Amino acid sequence: MTASIIVYSRVAPELEAAFLKWESEVRATEQGFPGFLGHRVEHPTESASQEWTVIVAFDTEAHLDGWLGSPERQELLERAAHLHESLRLERTSYGFGFWNQNAAGARPSPHRIFKENLLVLLVLYPTIFLWGYGVGNPLFTDLLRWPWWAVLFVGAVASTQVLGWWLVPWAMRAFRRWLEPRPGWATELVGYAIVVVLSAAFMALYAWLIAAIGRI
């Protein structure tokens, strides 16, 4: 399982060009460290926000620690201190990296874990349904005549890989403002409302598919 950090950086609009140039220097420096896998910069998700998201991945925790504690990284941070209005870091991992820690090594709060679990459910439910309806039953059960326990195992393997590598990390990034310690009551309500509405929509869609087309 790869190790990564997510860095949130608030940058004034007039400094964005300098910030992106600096990020290119950071990426070039990281490439010289053992175990480096990738460095991705994401633009602010809202027009009113100047907070950028940077995701850095290494193949192991040891290699990530080597980069985080390196004098090269410290020198880069010192040179760019004027670019960041605020800078915060969360340590996580690919796979099911929602069990993360913050930069100080503290466990996330129970409320955050509860919301993360809801997001996992939000992407887990359609993944399991679509796998069973579109692949598991027609291919493995009907065509290949595999026993149910074998079909279930293959579905679990496929689902966990899709969730761990793509869907769960995507959901955590998409809902990152909702996952913050104190996002505000409006953000809290909107986040929960989106989860409820999407879950209800998935259930209604799948109920219609089963009624219109046939069994799962």
N, C-alpha and C. Protein backbone atom coordinates (compact mmCIF):
# COMPACT_ATOMS: atom_id res chain seq x y z
N MET A 1 0.85 -1.19 0.00
CA MET A 1 0.00 0.00 0.00
C MET A 1 0.89 1.23 0.00
N THR A 2 0.67 2.14 -0.95
CA THR A 2 1.52 3.32 -1.06
C THR A 2 1.23 4.32 0.04
N ALA A 3 2.24 5.09 0.39
CA ALA A 3 2.12 6.11 1.43
C ALA A 3 2.08 7.48 0.76
N SER A 4 1.29 8.37 1.30
CA SER A 4 1.14 9.67 0.67
C SER A 4 0.83 10.75 1.69
N ILE A 5 0.99 11.98 1.24
CA ILE A 5 0.57 13.14 2.01
C ILE A 5 -0.34 13.98 1.14
N ILE A 6 -1.29 14.64 1.78
CA ILE A 6 -2.14 15.61 1.10
C ILE A 6 -1.85 16.96 1.73
N VAL A 7 -1.44 17.91 0.92
CA VAL A 7 -1.06 19.23 1.40
C VAL A 7 -2.09 20.24 0.91
N TYR A 8 -2.66 20.99 1.83
CA TYR A 8 -3.62 22.04 1.50
C TYR A 8 -2.91 23.38 1.66
N SER A 9 -2.87 24.16 0.61
CA SER A 9 -2.13 25.41 0.61
C SER A 9 -3.02 26.54 0.10
N ARG A 10 -3.18 27.58 0.91
CA ARG A 10 -3.96 28.75 0.49
C ARG A 10 -3.00 29.77 -0.11
N VAL A 11 -3.25 30.11 -1.37
CA VAL A 11 -2.35 30.97 -2.13
C VAL A 11 -3.14 32.14 -2.69
N ALA A 12 -2.61 33.34 -2.54
CA ALA A 12 -3.25 34.53 -3.08
C ALA A 12 -3.26 34.44 -4.61
N PRO A 13 -4.31 34.92 -5.27
CA PRO A 13 -4.39 34.81 -6.74
C PRO A 13 -3.19 35.38 -7.47
N GLU A 14 -2.64 36.49 -6.99
CA GLU A 14 -1.52 37.10 -7.68
C GLU A 14 -0.23 36.30 -7.55
N LEU A 15 -0.21 35.31 -6.66
CA LEU A 15 1.00 34.50 -6.46
C LEU A 15 0.87 33.09 -7.07
N GLU A 16 -0.23 32.83 -7.76
CA GLU A 16 -0.46 31.48 -8.27
C GLU A 16 0.60 31.04 -9.27
N ALA A 17 1.03 31.93 -10.16
CA ALA A 17 2.05 31.56 -11.14
C ALA A 17 3.36 31.18 -10.45
N ALA A 18 3.75 31.96 -9.45
CA ALA A 18 4.97 31.65 -8.71
C ALA A 18 4.81 30.35 -7.93
N PHE A 19 3.61 30.12 -7.39
CA PHE A 19 3.35 28.88 -6.65
C PHE A 19 3.48 27.66 -7.56
N LEU A 20 2.91 27.73 -8.75
CA LEU A 20 2.98 26.59 -9.67
C LEU A 20 4.41 26.34 -10.13
N LYS A 21 5.18 27.41 -10.33
CA LYS A 21 6.59 27.24 -10.69
C LYS A 21 7.35 26.55 -9.56
N TRP A 22 7.06 26.97 -8.33
CA TRP A 22 7.70 26.35 -7.17
C TRP A 22 7.30 24.88 -7.05
N GLU A 23 6.03 24.56 -7.29
CA GLU A 23 5.59 23.18 -7.23
C GLU A 23 6.33 22.32 -8.26
N SER A 24 6.63 22.89 -9.41
CA SER A 24 7.40 22.15 -10.42
C SER A 24 8.80 21.83 -9.89
N GLU A 25 9.39 22.78 -9.15
CA GLU A 25 10.70 22.52 -8.53
C GLU A 25 10.60 21.42 -7.49
N VAL A 26 9.53 21.46 -6.70
CA VAL A 26 9.33 20.42 -5.69
C VAL A 26 9.23 19.05 -6.34
N ARG A 27 8.42 18.96 -7.39
CA ARG A 27 8.24 17.67 -8.08
C ARG A 27 9.57 17.17 -8.64
N ALA A 28 10.34 18.07 -9.24
CA ALA A 28 11.62 17.67 -9.80
C ALA A 28 12.57 17.16 -8.72
N THR A 29 12.53 17.78 -7.54
CA THR A 29 13.38 17.33 -6.43
C THR A 29 12.91 15.99 -5.90
N GLU A 30 11.60 15.81 -5.76
CA GLU A 30 11.05 14.55 -5.25
C GLU A 30 11.44 13.37 -6.14
N GLN A 31 11.53 13.61 -7.44
CA GLN A 31 11.84 12.53 -8.37
C GLN A 31 13.21 11.91 -8.11
N GLY A 32 14.08 12.64 -7.43
CA GLY A 32 15.39 12.10 -7.11
C GLY A 32 15.44 11.29 -5.84
N PHE A 33 14.31 11.15 -5.15
CA PHE A 33 14.27 10.41 -3.90
C PHE A 33 13.75 9.00 -4.14
N PRO A 34 14.28 8.01 -3.40
CA PRO A 34 13.85 6.61 -3.58
C PRO A 34 12.36 6.45 -3.30
N GLY A 35 11.71 5.66 -4.14
CA GLY A 35 10.31 5.32 -3.91
C GLY A 35 9.30 6.33 -4.37
N PHE A 36 9.72 7.42 -5.01
CA PHE A 36 8.77 8.44 -5.45
C PHE A 36 7.84 7.87 -6.52
N LEU A 37 6.52 8.12 -6.35
CA LEU A 37 5.53 7.61 -7.29
C LEU A 37 4.81 8.70 -8.06
N GLY A 38 4.55 9.81 -7.42
CA GLY A 38 3.79 10.83 -8.14
C GLY A 38 3.56 12.08 -7.31
N HIS A 39 3.26 13.15 -8.02
CA HIS A 39 3.01 14.46 -7.40
C HIS A 39 1.93 15.12 -8.25
N ARG A 40 0.76 15.34 -7.67
CA ARG A 40 -0.33 15.93 -8.43
C ARG A 40 -0.83 17.20 -7.73
N VAL A 41 -1.01 18.25 -8.52
CA VAL A 41 -1.51 19.53 -8.02
C VAL A 41 -2.93 19.72 -8.52
N GLU A 42 -3.86 19.98 -7.60
CA GLU A 42 -5.25 20.18 -7.96
C GLU A 42 -5.65 21.62 -7.67
N HIS A 43 -6.29 22.24 -8.64
CA HIS A 43 -6.74 23.62 -8.49
C HIS A 43 -7.82 23.72 -7.40
N PRO A 44 -8.02 24.91 -6.85
CA PRO A 44 -9.09 25.08 -5.86
C PRO A 44 -10.42 24.58 -6.42
N THR A 45 -11.19 23.90 -5.58
CA THR A 45 -12.44 23.31 -6.05
C THR A 45 -13.57 24.31 -6.12
N GLU A 46 -13.42 25.45 -5.48
CA GLU A 46 -14.46 26.48 -5.50
C GLU A 46 -13.85 27.79 -5.96
N SER A 47 -14.62 28.56 -6.72
CA SER A 47 -14.10 29.80 -7.28
C SER A 47 -13.72 30.80 -6.19
N ALA A 48 -14.39 30.73 -5.05
CA ALA A 48 -14.11 31.69 -3.98
C ALA A 48 -12.94 31.26 -3.10
N SER A 49 -12.42 30.08 -3.33
CA SER A 49 -11.34 29.55 -2.50
C SER A 49 -10.01 29.67 -3.21
N GLN A 50 -8.96 29.95 -2.43
CA GLN A 50 -7.60 29.96 -2.98
C GLN A 50 -6.79 28.78 -2.44
N GLU A 51 -7.48 27.76 -1.94
CA GLU A 51 -6.78 26.63 -1.34
C GLU A 51 -6.52 25.55 -2.38
N TRP A 52 -5.23 25.29 -2.62
CA TRP A 52 -4.80 24.27 -3.56
C TRP A 52 -4.58 22.96 -2.82
N THR A 53 -4.75 21.85 -3.53
CA THR A 53 -4.52 20.54 -2.97
C THR A 53 -3.37 19.88 -3.73
N VAL A 54 -2.38 19.40 -2.98
CA VAL A 54 -1.23 18.73 -3.58
C VAL A 54 -1.12 17.34 -2.97
N ILE A 55 -1.06 16.31 -3.81
CA ILE A 55 -0.98 14.93 -3.35
C ILE A 55 0.37 14.37 -3.78
N VAL A 56 1.13 13.88 -2.81
CA VAL A 56 2.46 13.33 -3.06
C VAL A 56 2.47 11.88 -2.60
N ALA A 57 2.92 10.97 -3.45
CA ALA A 57 2.88 9.54 -3.12
C ALA A 57 4.27 8.92 -3.24
N PHE A 58 4.59 8.06 -2.25
CA PHE A 58 5.80 7.24 -2.27
C PHE A 58 5.38 5.78 -2.07
N ASP A 59 6.29 4.88 -2.38
CA ASP A 59 5.92 3.46 -2.33
C ASP A 59 5.86 2.89 -0.93
N THR A 60 6.59 3.49 0.03
CA THR A 60 6.58 3.00 1.41
C THR A 60 6.59 4.18 2.37
N GLU A 61 6.21 3.90 3.63
CA GLU A 61 6.26 4.92 4.67
C GLU A 61 7.70 5.39 4.90
N ALA A 62 8.65 4.47 4.84
CA ALA A 62 10.05 4.82 5.08
C ALA A 62 10.56 5.80 4.03
N HIS A 63 10.21 5.56 2.78
CA HIS A 63 10.65 6.47 1.72
C HIS A 63 9.95 7.82 1.83
N LEU A 64 8.67 7.81 2.20
CA LEU A 64 7.98 9.08 2.41
C LEU A 64 8.62 9.86 3.55
N ASP A 65 8.93 9.17 4.65
CA ASP A 65 9.60 9.84 5.78
C ASP A 65 10.95 10.41 5.36
N GLY A 66 11.65 9.69 4.47
CA GLY A 66 12.93 10.20 3.99
C GLY A 66 12.79 11.52 3.28
N TRP A 67 11.73 11.66 2.49
CA TRP A 67 11.48 12.93 1.81
C TRP A 67 11.03 14.02 2.79
N LEU A 68 10.09 13.68 3.68
CA LEU A 68 9.56 14.68 4.60
C LEU A 68 10.64 15.24 5.52
N GLY A 69 11.61 14.42 5.90
CA GLY A 69 12.66 14.88 6.81
C GLY A 69 13.91 15.37 6.13
N SER A 70 13.87 15.48 4.81
CA SER A 70 15.08 15.82 4.07
C SER A 70 15.40 17.31 4.14
N PRO A 71 16.68 17.67 4.12
CA PRO A 71 17.06 19.09 4.07
C PRO A 71 16.63 19.75 2.77
N GLU A 72 16.52 18.96 1.69
CA GLU A 72 16.07 19.54 0.41
C GLU A 72 14.64 20.07 0.52
N ARG A 73 13.78 19.27 1.17
CA ARG A 73 12.39 19.73 1.32
C ARG A 73 12.32 20.94 2.25
N GLN A 74 13.09 20.93 3.32
CA GLN A 74 13.09 22.05 4.23
C GLN A 74 13.53 23.33 3.54
N GLU A 75 14.54 23.22 2.67
CA GLU A 75 15.02 24.40 1.96
C GLU A 75 13.96 24.92 0.99
N LEU A 76 13.24 24.01 0.34
CA LEU A 76 12.17 24.42 -0.57
C LEU A 76 11.04 25.12 0.18
N LEU A 77 10.69 24.59 1.35
CA LEU A 77 9.63 25.21 2.14
C LEU A 77 10.02 26.61 2.61
N GLU A 78 11.26 26.77 3.03
CA GLU A 78 11.73 28.08 3.49
C GLU A 78 11.71 29.10 2.37
N ARG A 79 12.08 28.67 1.17
CA ARG A 79 12.10 29.59 0.04
C ARG A 79 10.71 30.03 -0.38
N ALA A 80 9.71 29.20 -0.09
CA ALA A 80 8.34 29.49 -0.54
C ALA A 80 7.44 29.96 0.58
N ALA A 81 8.01 30.32 1.71
CA ALA A 81 7.18 30.72 2.85
C ALA A 81 6.26 31.89 2.51
N HIS A 82 6.70 32.77 1.64
CA HIS A 82 5.89 33.95 1.30
C HIS A 82 4.73 33.62 0.37
N LEU A 83 4.74 32.43 -0.22
CA LEU A 83 3.68 32.05 -1.16
C LEU A 83 2.43 31.54 -0.48
N HIS A 84 2.56 31.03 0.74
CA HIS A 84 1.46 30.35 1.42
C HIS A 84 0.85 31.24 2.51
N GLU A 85 -0.44 31.55 2.34
CA GLU A 85 -1.15 32.21 3.43
C GLU A 85 -1.41 31.22 4.56
N SER A 86 -1.62 29.98 4.21
CA SER A 86 -1.75 28.90 5.20
C SER A 86 -1.30 27.61 4.52
N LEU A 87 -0.79 26.70 5.33
CA LEU A 87 -0.28 25.44 4.81
C LEU A 87 -0.54 24.35 5.84
N ARG A 88 -1.24 23.30 5.45
CA ARG A 88 -1.49 22.19 6.36
C ARG A 88 -1.34 20.88 5.61
N LEU A 89 -0.98 19.86 6.35
CA LEU A 89 -0.62 18.58 5.75
C LEU A 89 -1.36 17.46 6.46
N GLU A 90 -1.89 16.52 5.68
CA GLU A 90 -2.48 15.31 6.22
C GLU A 90 -1.75 14.11 5.64
N ARG A 91 -1.47 13.18 6.50
CA ARG A 91 -0.77 11.96 6.08
C ARG A 91 -1.80 10.87 5.86
N THR A 92 -1.70 10.20 4.74
CA THR A 92 -2.67 9.17 4.42
C THR A 92 -1.98 8.11 3.59
N SER A 93 -2.74 7.30 2.88
CA SER A 93 -2.18 6.28 2.01
C SER A 93 -3.19 5.98 0.94
N TYR A 94 -2.73 5.45 -0.19
CA TYR A 94 -3.66 4.93 -1.17
C TYR A 94 -4.21 3.63 -0.64
N GLY A 95 -5.10 3.00 -1.39
CA GLY A 95 -5.87 1.94 -0.81
C GLY A 95 -6.92 2.60 0.06
N PHE A 96 -7.27 1.98 1.15
CA PHE A 96 -8.26 2.57 2.04
C PHE A 96 -7.57 3.58 2.95
N GLY A 97 -7.12 4.68 2.34
CA GLY A 97 -6.34 5.67 3.07
C GLY A 97 -7.17 6.64 3.87
N PHE A 98 -8.47 6.40 3.99
CA PHE A 98 -9.27 7.31 4.78
C PHE A 98 -8.97 7.16 6.27
N TRP A 99 -8.29 6.03 6.68
CA TRP A 99 -7.85 5.93 8.07
C TRP A 99 -6.55 6.71 8.19
N ASN A 100 -6.66 8.03 8.13
CA ASN A 100 -5.45 8.83 8.04
C ASN A 100 -5.09 9.45 9.37
N GLN A 101 -3.96 10.13 9.35
CA GLN A 101 -3.49 10.89 10.49
C GLN A 101 -3.16 12.28 10.01
N ASN A 102 -3.20 13.24 10.93
CA ASN A 102 -2.79 14.56 10.52
C ASN A 102 -1.29 14.69 10.65
N ALA A 103 -0.79 15.88 10.39
CA ALA A 103 0.66 16.05 10.36
C ALA A 103 1.30 15.78 11.71
N ALA A 104 0.56 15.93 12.79
CA ALA A 104 1.11 15.69 14.13
C ALA A 104 1.00 14.23 14.54
N GLY A 105 0.40 13.41 13.67
CA GLY A 105 0.27 11.99 13.98
C GLY A 105 -0.97 11.65 14.79
N ALA A 106 -1.92 12.58 14.92
CA ALA A 106 -3.10 12.35 15.72
C ALA A 106 -4.17 11.61 14.92
N ARG A 107 -4.94 10.79 15.61
CA ARG A 107 -6.02 10.09 14.95
C ARG A 107 -7.13 11.08 14.63
N PRO A 108 -7.86 10.86 13.53
CA PRO A 108 -9.00 11.72 13.24
C PRO A 108 -10.08 11.53 14.29
N SER A 109 -10.96 12.52 14.40
CA SER A 109 -12.03 12.47 15.40
C SER A 109 -13.06 11.41 15.02
N PRO A 110 -13.83 10.93 16.02
CA PRO A 110 -14.89 9.95 15.71
C PRO A 110 -15.89 10.49 14.70
N HIS A 111 -16.20 11.79 14.76
CA HIS A 111 -17.16 12.37 13.82
C HIS A 111 -16.61 12.29 12.39
N ARG A 112 -15.32 12.58 12.23
CA ARG A 112 -14.73 12.48 10.90
C ARG A 112 -14.75 11.03 10.40
N ILE A 113 -14.38 10.09 11.26
CA ILE A 113 -14.40 8.68 10.86
C ILE A 113 -15.81 8.26 10.45
N PHE A 114 -16.83 8.75 11.20
CA PHE A 114 -18.22 8.44 10.86
C PHE A 114 -18.55 8.95 9.47
N LYS A 115 -18.14 10.18 9.15
CA LYS A 115 -18.43 10.74 7.84
C LYS A 115 -17.64 10.02 6.75
N GLU A 116 -16.40 9.65 7.04
CA GLU A 116 -15.61 8.88 6.07
C GLU A 116 -16.27 7.54 5.78
N ASN A 117 -16.80 6.89 6.82
CA ASN A 117 -17.48 5.61 6.63
C ASN A 117 -18.72 5.77 5.75
N LEU A 118 -19.43 6.90 5.90
CA LEU A 118 -20.58 7.16 5.04
C LEU A 118 -20.15 7.31 3.58
N LEU A 119 -19.01 7.96 3.36
CA LEU A 119 -18.53 8.13 1.99
C LEU A 119 -18.11 6.79 1.39
N VAL A 120 -17.49 5.93 2.22
CA VAL A 120 -17.14 4.60 1.73
C VAL A 120 -18.42 3.84 1.34
N LEU A 121 -19.45 3.93 2.17
CA LEU A 121 -20.71 3.27 1.85
C LEU A 121 -21.30 3.84 0.56
N LEU A 122 -21.17 5.15 0.38
CA LEU A 122 -21.74 5.81 -0.80
C LEU A 122 -21.14 5.26 -2.09
N VAL A 123 -19.85 4.94 -2.10
CA VAL A 123 -19.24 4.39 -3.31
C VAL A 123 -19.24 2.86 -3.31
N LEU A 124 -19.35 2.25 -2.12
CA LEU A 124 -19.36 0.79 -2.03
C LEU A 124 -20.65 0.21 -2.58
N TYR A 125 -21.78 0.81 -2.24
CA TYR A 125 -23.08 0.25 -2.64
C TYR A 125 -23.22 0.16 -4.16
N PRO A 126 -22.99 1.24 -4.91
CA PRO A 126 -23.12 1.09 -6.37
C PRO A 126 -22.06 0.18 -6.98
N THR A 127 -20.87 0.14 -6.38
CA THR A 127 -19.83 -0.75 -6.91
C THR A 127 -20.25 -2.21 -6.80
N ILE A 128 -20.76 -2.59 -5.62
CA ILE A 128 -21.19 -3.98 -5.42
C ILE A 128 -22.36 -4.32 -6.33
N PHE A 129 -23.32 -3.40 -6.42
CA PHE A 129 -24.50 -3.67 -7.24
C PHE A 129 -24.13 -3.82 -8.71
N LEU A 130 -23.36 -2.86 -9.22
CA LEU A 130 -23.02 -2.88 -10.64
C LEU A 130 -22.16 -4.09 -10.99
N TRP A 131 -21.27 -4.47 -10.06
CA TRP A 131 -20.46 -5.68 -10.31
C TRP A 131 -21.37 -6.91 -10.39
N GLY A 132 -22.25 -7.06 -9.40
CA GLY A 132 -23.13 -8.23 -9.40
C GLY A 132 -24.07 -8.26 -10.58
N TYR A 133 -24.66 -7.10 -10.90
CA TYR A 133 -25.67 -7.04 -11.96
C TYR A 133 -25.05 -7.13 -13.34
N GLY A 134 -23.88 -6.46 -13.52
CA GLY A 134 -23.31 -6.38 -14.86
C GLY A 134 -22.25 -7.42 -15.16
N VAL A 135 -21.59 -7.98 -14.12
CA VAL A 135 -20.48 -8.90 -14.35
C VAL A 135 -20.67 -10.22 -13.60
N GLY A 136 -20.83 -10.13 -12.30
CA GLY A 136 -20.85 -11.34 -11.48
C GLY A 136 -21.87 -12.36 -11.89
N ASN A 137 -23.15 -11.94 -11.96
CA ASN A 137 -24.20 -12.90 -12.29
C ASN A 137 -24.19 -13.35 -13.75
N PRO A 138 -24.15 -12.43 -14.72
CA PRO A 138 -24.19 -12.91 -16.11
C PRO A 138 -22.95 -13.71 -16.52
N LEU A 139 -21.78 -13.35 -16.01
CA LEU A 139 -20.56 -14.03 -16.44
C LEU A 139 -20.25 -15.26 -15.58
N PHE A 140 -20.05 -15.00 -14.27
CA PHE A 140 -19.57 -16.09 -13.42
C PHE A 140 -20.68 -17.06 -12.98
N THR A 141 -21.87 -16.54 -12.71
CA THR A 141 -22.95 -17.41 -12.24
C THR A 141 -23.66 -18.09 -13.40
N ASP A 142 -24.14 -17.30 -14.38
CA ASP A 142 -24.95 -17.86 -15.45
C ASP A 142 -24.11 -18.57 -16.52
N LEU A 143 -23.03 -17.92 -16.96
CA LEU A 143 -22.24 -18.47 -18.07
C LEU A 143 -21.25 -19.54 -17.61
N LEU A 144 -20.45 -19.20 -16.59
CA LEU A 144 -19.40 -20.11 -16.14
C LEU A 144 -19.87 -21.10 -15.09
N ARG A 145 -21.04 -20.83 -14.49
CA ARG A 145 -21.63 -21.72 -13.49
C ARG A 145 -20.74 -21.88 -12.25
N TRP A 146 -20.10 -20.81 -11.85
CA TRP A 146 -19.29 -20.86 -10.63
C TRP A 146 -20.21 -20.95 -9.41
N PRO A 147 -19.75 -21.57 -8.32
CA PRO A 147 -20.54 -21.56 -7.08
C PRO A 147 -20.61 -20.17 -6.49
N TRP A 148 -21.65 -19.95 -5.70
CA TRP A 148 -21.92 -18.61 -5.17
C TRP A 148 -20.76 -18.08 -4.35
N TRP A 149 -20.14 -18.95 -3.52
CA TRP A 149 -19.06 -18.48 -2.65
C TRP A 149 -17.85 -18.01 -3.47
N ALA A 150 -17.60 -18.62 -4.61
CA ALA A 150 -16.49 -18.21 -5.46
C ALA A 150 -16.80 -16.88 -6.16
N VAL A 151 -18.05 -16.74 -6.63
CA VAL A 151 -18.46 -15.49 -7.27
C VAL A 151 -18.37 -14.34 -6.26
N LEU A 152 -18.78 -14.61 -5.02
CA LEU A 152 -18.73 -13.60 -3.98
C LEU A 152 -17.29 -13.16 -3.71
N PHE A 153 -16.38 -14.12 -3.69
CA PHE A 153 -14.98 -13.79 -3.43
C PHE A 153 -14.39 -12.94 -4.55
N VAL A 154 -14.62 -13.33 -5.78
CA VAL A 154 -14.10 -12.55 -6.92
C VAL A 154 -14.69 -11.14 -6.91
N GLY A 155 -15.97 -11.04 -6.60
CA GLY A 155 -16.58 -9.72 -6.51
C GLY A 155 -15.97 -8.87 -5.42
N ALA A 156 -15.67 -9.50 -4.28
CA ALA A 156 -15.05 -8.76 -3.18
C ALA A 156 -13.65 -8.26 -3.56
N VAL A 157 -12.88 -9.11 -4.24
CA VAL A 157 -11.54 -8.71 -4.67
C VAL A 157 -11.62 -7.54 -5.64
N ALA A 158 -12.48 -7.66 -6.64
CA ALA A 158 -12.60 -6.59 -7.64
C ALA A 158 -13.10 -5.29 -7.01
N SER A 159 -14.10 -5.39 -6.14
CA SER A 159 -14.68 -4.20 -5.53
C SER A 159 -13.70 -3.48 -4.63
N THR A 160 -12.96 -4.23 -3.81
CA THR A 160 -12.02 -3.57 -2.90
C THR A 160 -10.90 -2.89 -3.66
N GLN A 161 -10.46 -3.46 -4.77
CA GLN A 161 -9.41 -2.82 -5.56
C GLN A 161 -9.92 -1.52 -6.20
N VAL A 162 -11.10 -1.57 -6.77
CA VAL A 162 -11.67 -0.37 -7.38
C VAL A 162 -11.89 0.71 -6.33
N LEU A 163 -12.42 0.30 -5.18
CA LEU A 163 -12.67 1.26 -4.10
C LEU A 163 -11.38 1.84 -3.57
N GLY A 164 -10.42 0.97 -3.26
CA GLY A 164 -9.20 1.42 -2.60
C GLY A 164 -8.32 2.29 -3.45
N TRP A 165 -8.23 1.98 -4.73
CA TRP A 165 -7.32 2.72 -5.60
C TRP A 165 -7.95 3.98 -6.19
N TRP A 166 -9.25 3.95 -6.45
CA TRP A 166 -9.85 5.07 -7.18
C TRP A 166 -11.03 5.73 -6.45
N LEU A 167 -12.06 4.97 -6.12
CA LEU A 167 -13.30 5.60 -5.67
C LEU A 167 -13.20 6.24 -4.29
N VAL A 168 -12.60 5.52 -3.34
CA VAL A 168 -12.50 6.10 -1.99
C VAL A 168 -11.60 7.33 -1.97
N PRO A 169 -10.38 7.29 -2.56
CA PRO A 169 -9.58 8.52 -2.60
C PRO A 169 -10.30 9.67 -3.30
N TRP A 170 -11.02 9.36 -4.37
CA TRP A 170 -11.77 10.42 -5.06
C TRP A 170 -12.84 11.01 -4.15
N ALA A 171 -13.58 10.17 -3.46
CA ALA A 171 -14.64 10.66 -2.57
C ALA A 171 -14.07 11.52 -1.45
N MET A 172 -12.93 11.12 -0.90
CA MET A 172 -12.32 11.90 0.18
C MET A 172 -11.88 13.28 -0.31
N ARG A 173 -11.39 13.34 -1.54
CA ARG A 173 -11.00 14.65 -2.09
C ARG A 173 -12.22 15.49 -2.40
N ALA A 174 -13.25 14.87 -2.98
CA ALA A 174 -14.44 15.61 -3.37
C ALA A 174 -15.17 16.19 -2.15
N PHE A 175 -15.12 15.50 -1.02
CA PHE A 175 -15.82 15.94 0.18
C PHE A 175 -14.87 16.49 1.25
N ARG A 176 -13.69 16.93 0.84
CA ARG A 176 -12.68 17.29 1.84
C ARG A 176 -13.11 18.47 2.71
N ARG A 177 -13.86 19.41 2.16
CA ARG A 177 -14.32 20.53 3.00
C ARG A 177 -15.31 20.04 4.06
N TRP A 178 -16.14 19.08 3.72
CA TRP A 178 -17.08 18.50 4.66
C TRP A 178 -16.36 17.72 5.75
N LEU A 179 -15.20 17.17 5.43
CA LEU A 179 -14.45 16.36 6.39
C LEU A 179 -13.57 17.18 7.32
N GLU A 180 -13.48 18.47 7.10
CA GLU A 180 -12.66 19.30 7.97
C GLU A 180 -13.23 19.31 9.39
N PRO A 181 -12.38 19.57 10.41
CA PRO A 181 -12.84 19.51 11.81
C PRO A 181 -14.03 20.42 12.09
N ARG A 182 -14.03 21.64 11.56
CA ARG A 182 -15.14 22.57 11.81
C ARG A 182 -15.53 23.22 10.48
N PRO A 183 -16.26 22.50 9.65
CA PRO A 183 -16.58 23.03 8.32
C PRO A 183 -17.67 24.08 8.30
N GLY A 184 -18.37 24.27 9.42
CA GLY A 184 -19.50 25.19 9.44
C GLY A 184 -20.81 24.42 9.25
N TRP A 185 -21.88 24.97 9.86
CA TRP A 185 -23.15 24.23 9.86
C TRP A 185 -23.71 24.07 8.46
N ALA A 186 -23.52 25.06 7.58
CA ALA A 186 -24.06 24.97 6.21
C ALA A 186 -23.37 23.85 5.45
N THR A 187 -22.04 23.78 5.55
CA THR A 187 -21.30 22.72 4.87
C THR A 187 -21.66 21.36 5.43
N GLU A 188 -21.84 21.27 6.75
CA GLU A 188 -22.24 20.01 7.37
C GLU A 188 -23.57 19.53 6.79
N LEU A 189 -24.57 20.43 6.74
CA LEU A 189 -25.88 20.04 6.25
C LEU A 189 -25.85 19.66 4.78
N VAL A 190 -25.13 20.44 3.98
CA VAL A 190 -25.04 20.15 2.55
C VAL A 190 -24.36 18.80 2.31
N GLY A 191 -23.29 18.52 3.06
CA GLY A 191 -22.59 17.25 2.91
C GLY A 191 -23.49 16.07 3.22
N TYR A 192 -24.17 16.13 4.36
CA TYR A 192 -25.08 15.03 4.72
C TYR A 192 -26.22 14.91 3.70
N ALA A 193 -26.73 16.06 3.23
CA ALA A 193 -27.83 16.03 2.26
C ALA A 193 -27.40 15.36 0.97
N ILE A 194 -26.19 15.66 0.50
CA ILE A 194 -25.69 15.03 -0.73
C ILE A 194 -25.58 13.53 -0.56
N VAL A 195 -25.04 13.09 0.59
CA VAL A 195 -24.91 11.65 0.84
C VAL A 195 -26.28 10.97 0.84
N VAL A 196 -27.26 11.58 1.52
CA VAL A 196 -28.60 10.99 1.60
C VAL A 196 -29.26 10.95 0.23
N VAL A 197 -29.18 12.05 -0.50
CA VAL A 197 -29.85 12.12 -1.81
C VAL A 197 -29.23 11.13 -2.79
N LEU A 198 -27.90 11.05 -2.83
CA LEU A 198 -27.25 10.11 -3.74
C LEU A 198 -27.56 8.67 -3.37
N SER A 199 -27.55 8.36 -2.08
CA SER A 199 -27.88 7.00 -1.64
C SER A 199 -29.30 6.62 -2.04
N ALA A 200 -30.23 7.55 -1.82
CA ALA A 200 -31.62 7.28 -2.20
C ALA A 200 -31.76 7.13 -3.71
N ALA A 201 -31.01 7.94 -4.46
CA ALA A 201 -31.08 7.85 -5.92
C ALA A 201 -30.54 6.52 -6.42
N PHE A 202 -29.44 6.05 -5.82
CA PHE A 202 -28.88 4.76 -6.21
C PHE A 202 -29.89 3.64 -5.94
N MET A 203 -30.51 3.66 -4.76
CA MET A 203 -31.46 2.61 -4.42
C MET A 203 -32.66 2.63 -5.36
N ALA A 204 -33.15 3.84 -5.67
CA ALA A 204 -34.30 3.93 -6.58
C ALA A 204 -33.94 3.43 -7.98
N LEU A 205 -32.74 3.79 -8.45
CA LEU A 205 -32.31 3.35 -9.77
C LEU A 205 -32.20 1.83 -9.84
N TYR A 206 -31.61 1.23 -8.80
CA TYR A 206 -31.40 -0.21 -8.83
C TYR A 206 -32.71 -0.97 -8.65
N ALA A 207 -33.62 -0.40 -7.87
CA ALA A 207 -34.95 -1.01 -7.74
C ALA A 207 -35.66 -1.00 -9.09
N TRP A 208 -35.52 0.10 -9.82
CA TRP A 208 -36.14 0.19 -11.15
C TRP A 208 -35.51 -0.80 -12.11
N LEU A 209 -34.17 -0.94 -12.08
CA LEU A 209 -33.50 -1.88 -12.98
C LEU A 209 -33.96 -3.31 -12.74
N ILE A 210 -34.05 -3.67 -11.46
CA ILE A 210 -34.46 -5.04 -11.15
C ILE A 210 -35.90 -5.29 -11.58
N ALA A 211 -36.77 -4.28 -11.37
CA ALA A 211 -38.17 -4.44 -11.76
C ALA A 211 -38.33 -4.46 -13.28
N ALA A 212 -37.52 -3.66 -13.98
CA ALA A 212 -37.70 -3.53 -15.43
C ALA A 212 -36.98 -4.62 -16.22
N ILE A 213 -35.80 -5.03 -15.73
CA ILE A 213 -34.97 -5.93 -16.52
C ILE A 213 -34.96 -7.34 -15.95
N GLY A 214 -34.99 -7.44 -14.64
CA GLY A 214 -34.98 -8.79 -14.07
C GLY A 214 -34.15 -8.86 -12.81
N ARG A 215 -33.92 -10.05 -12.34
CA ARG A 215 -33.23 -10.26 -11.08
C ARG A 215 -31.79 -9.74 -11.12
N ILE A 216 -31.22 -9.55 -9.94
CA ILE A 216 -29.83 -9.15 -9.86
C ILE A 216 -28.93 -10.35 -10.10
